[in-house]
Amino acid sequence: MLVLTRNAHESIVINDNIFVTVLPASEGAYYQMRLGFTAPSDIPIHRKEIWDIIQQEQELSKQFPNIPMEALKQLVYECRRGYKIDYPFLLERIKQFGTK
């Protein structure tokens, strides 16, 4: 892991086309920092917890190829507890979906 120190309005460049800029913290945000991202539109940028869900959906789509991706996303959404997926409940919902 590369660790860098940056001040507000300073940037980091990744791969010549992705810019990460440290933005000034908002008033009262004591331990929060804000980051701004500039990247080509074909490069997806996600928060880690959202990226984890996307990866889980893709893995489930490989395990259950007979379920359309949109339906699988809906089932995952229904089975989320915050950013965690309740897998026993999800598997039960997938079984129910398969019997429709």
C-alpha atoms as a PDB file:
ATOM      1  CA  MET A   1       0.000   0.000   0.000  1.00  0.00           C
ATOM      2  CA  LEU A   2       1.310   3.400  -0.944  1.00  0.00           C
ATOM      3  CA  VAL A   3       0.669   5.997   1.767  1.00  0.00           C
ATOM      4  CA  LEU A   4       0.871   9.671   0.796  1.00  0.00           C
ATOM      5  CA  THR A   5       0.309  12.864   2.705  1.00  0.00           C
ATOM      6  CA  ARG A   6      -1.686  15.530   0.866  1.00  0.00           C
ATOM      7  CA  ASN A   7      -3.166  18.854   1.905  1.00  0.00           C
ATOM      8  CA  ALA A   8      -6.472  20.301   0.741  1.00  0.00           C
ATOM      9  CA  HIS A   9      -6.562  21.005  -3.014  1.00  0.00           C
ATOM     10  CA  GLU A  10      -3.576  18.733  -3.706  1.00  0.00           C
ATOM     11  CA  SER A  11      -3.990  15.802  -6.074  1.00  0.00           C
ATOM     12  CA  ILE A  12      -2.668  12.355  -6.884  1.00  0.00           C
ATOM     13  CA  VAL A  13      -2.516  11.062 -10.462  1.00  0.00           C
ATOM     14  CA  ILE A  14      -3.107   7.379 -11.240  1.00  0.00           C
ATOM     15  CA  ASN A  15      -2.289   5.898 -14.628  1.00  0.00           C
ATOM     16  CA  ASP A  16      -2.145   9.314 -16.376  1.00  0.00           C
ATOM     17  CA  ASN A  17      -5.949   9.609 -16.483  1.00  0.00           C
ATOM     18  CA  ILE A  18      -7.326   9.362 -12.935  1.00  0.00           C
ATOM     19  CA  PHE A  19      -6.983  12.317 -10.584  1.00  0.00           C
ATOM     20  CA  VAL A  20      -7.781  12.135  -6.877  1.00  0.00           C
ATOM     21  CA  THR A  21      -8.002  15.524  -5.178  1.00  0.00           C
ATOM     22  CA  VAL A  22      -8.168  16.124  -1.452  1.00  0.00           C
ATOM     23  CA  LEU A  23     -10.990  18.587  -0.797  1.00  0.00           C
ATOM     24  CA  PRO A  24     -11.284  20.807   2.264  1.00  0.00           C
ATOM     25  CA  ALA A  25     -13.143  19.142   5.118  1.00  0.00           C
ATOM     26  CA  SER A  26     -16.584  20.560   5.775  1.00  0.00           C
ATOM     27  CA  GLU A  27     -17.245  22.405   9.022  1.00  0.00           C
ATOM     28  CA  GLY A  28     -17.748  20.033  11.936  1.00  0.00           C
ATOM     29  CA  ALA A  29     -16.394  16.983  10.069  1.00  0.00           C
ATOM     30  CA  TYR A  30     -13.620  16.376  12.580  1.00  0.00           C
ATOM     31  CA  TYR A  31     -12.296  13.008  11.390  1.00  0.00           C
ATOM     32  CA  GLN A  32     -13.627  12.967   7.843  1.00  0.00           C
ATOM     33  CA  MET A  33     -11.850  13.805   4.652  1.00  0.00           C
ATOM     34  CA  ARG A  34     -13.380  14.454   1.278  1.00  0.00           C
ATOM     35  CA  LEU A  35     -11.929  13.216  -1.985  1.00  0.00           C
ATOM     36  CA  GLY A  36     -12.764  14.303  -5.500  1.00  0.00           C
ATOM     37  CA  PHE A  37     -12.218  11.944  -8.447  1.00  0.00           C
ATOM     38  CA  THR A  38     -11.730  12.843 -12.088  1.00  0.00           C
ATOM     39  CA  ALA A  39     -11.556   9.865 -14.435  1.00  0.00           C
ATOM     40  CA  PRO A  40     -12.719   8.825 -17.896  1.00  0.00           C
ATOM     41  CA  SER A  41     -16.402   7.867 -17.964  1.00  0.00           C
ATOM     42  CA  ASP A  42     -15.580   4.245 -18.821  1.00  0.00           C
ATOM     43  CA  ILE A  43     -13.720   3.769 -15.522  1.00  0.00           C
ATOM     44  CA  PRO A  44     -16.134   2.929 -12.699  1.00  0.00           C
ATOM     45  CA  ILE A  45     -15.468   4.506  -9.305  1.00  0.00           C
ATOM     46  CA  HIS A  46     -17.205   3.022  -6.264  1.00  0.00           C
ATOM     47  CA  ARG A  47     -16.928   3.180  -2.516  1.00  0.00           C
ATOM     48  CA  LYS A  48     -15.369  -0.070  -1.262  1.00  0.00           C
ATOM     49  CA  GLU A  49     -18.561  -1.302   0.430  1.00  0.00           C
ATOM     50  CA  ILE A  50     -20.539  -0.803  -2.819  1.00  0.00           C
ATOM     51  CA  TRP A  51     -17.777  -2.486  -4.842  1.00  0.00           C
ATOM     52  CA  ASP A  52     -17.981  -5.469  -2.456  1.00  0.00           C
ATOM     53  CA  ILE A  53     -21.723  -5.808  -3.146  1.00  0.00           C
ATOM     54  CA  ILE A  54     -21.147  -5.622  -6.909  1.00  0.00           C
ATOM     55  CA  GLN A  55     -18.517  -8.362  -6.624  1.00  0.00           C
ATOM     56  CA  GLN A  56     -20.902 -10.510  -4.577  1.00  0.00           C
ATOM     57  CA  GLU A  57     -23.656 -10.035  -7.166  1.00  0.00           C
ATOM     58  CA  GLN A  58     -21.289 -11.075  -9.961  1.00  0.00           C
ATOM     59  CA  GLU A  59     -20.179 -14.155  -8.023  1.00  0.00           C
ATOM     60  CA  LEU A  60     -23.806 -15.115  -7.346  1.00  0.00           C
ATOM     61  CA  SER A  61     -24.654 -14.675 -11.030  1.00  0.00           C
ATOM     62  CA  LYS A  62     -22.000 -17.306 -11.805  1.00  0.00           C
ATOM     63  CA  GLN A  63     -23.449 -19.660  -9.173  1.00  0.00           C
ATOM     64  CA  PHE A  64     -27.045 -19.131 -10.349  1.00  0.00           C
ATOM     65  CA  PRO A  65     -26.855 -18.467 -14.100  1.00  0.00           C
ATOM     66  CA  ASN A  66     -30.578 -19.244 -14.546  1.00  0.00           C
ATOM     67  CA  ILE A  67     -31.567 -16.121 -12.578  1.00  0.00           C
ATOM     68  CA  PRO A  68     -31.520 -12.884 -14.615  1.00  0.00           C
ATOM     69  CA  MET A  69     -29.010 -10.348 -13.268  1.00  0.00           C
ATOM     70  CA  GLU A  70     -31.666  -7.703 -12.535  1.00  0.00           C
ATOM     71  CA  ALA A  71     -33.690 -10.203 -10.515  1.00  0.00           C
ATOM     72  CA  LEU A  72     -30.549 -11.298  -8.679  1.00  0.00           C
ATOM     73  CA  LYS A  73     -29.693  -7.670  -7.842  1.00  0.00           C
ATOM     74  CA  GLN A  74     -33.205  -7.227  -6.448  1.00  0.00           C
ATOM     75  CA  LEU A  75     -32.869 -10.375  -4.333  1.00  0.00           C
ATOM     76  CA  VAL A  76     -29.489  -9.182  -2.996  1.00  0.00           C
ATOM     77  CA  TYR A  77     -30.997  -5.774  -2.215  1.00  0.00           C
ATOM     78  CA  GLU A  78     -33.843  -7.409  -0.270  1.00  0.00           C
ATOM     79  CA  CYS A  79     -31.356  -9.519   1.721  1.00  0.00           C
ATOM     80  CA  ARG A  80     -28.913  -6.784   2.673  1.00  0.00           C
ATOM     81  CA  ARG A  81     -28.443  -5.733   6.255  1.00  0.00           C
ATOM     82  CA  GLY A  82     -26.589  -2.476   5.840  1.00  0.00           C
ATOM     83  CA  TYR A  83     -23.720  -3.424   3.555  1.00  0.00           C
ATOM     84  CA  LYS A  84     -23.687  -7.086   4.575  1.00  0.00           C
ATOM     85  CA  ILE A  85     -25.710  -9.757   2.820  1.00  0.00           C
ATOM     86  CA  ASP A  86     -27.767 -12.176   4.919  1.00  0.00           C
ATOM     87  CA  TYR A  87     -26.717 -15.291   2.960  1.00  0.00           C
ATOM     88  CA  PRO A  88     -29.099 -17.814   4.554  1.00  0.00           C
ATOM     89  CA  PHE A  89     -32.031 -15.499   3.767  1.00  0.00           C
ATOM     90  CA  LEU A  90     -30.664 -14.854   0.255  1.00  0.00           C
ATOM     91  CA  LEU A  91     -30.362 -18.577  -0.505  1.00  0.00           C
ATOM     92  CA  GLU A  92     -33.930 -19.100   0.716  1.00  0.00           C
ATOM     93  CA  ARG A  93     -35.133 -16.279  -1.563  1.00  0.00           C
ATOM     94  CA  ILE A  94     -33.210 -17.786  -4.495  1.00  0.00           C
ATOM     95  CA  LYS A  95     -34.917 -21.148  -3.893  1.00  0.00           C
ATOM     96  CA  GLN A  96     -38.288 -19.364  -3.839  1.00  0.00           C
ATOM     97  CA  PHE A  97     -37.398 -17.542  -7.061  1.00  0.00           C
ATOM     98  CA  GLY A  98     -36.514 -20.851  -8.732  1.00  0.00           C
ATOM     99  CA  THR A  99     -39.962 -22.286  -7.954  1.00  0.00           C
ATOM    100  CA  LYS A 100     -41.861 -19.394  -9.587  1.00  0.00           C
END
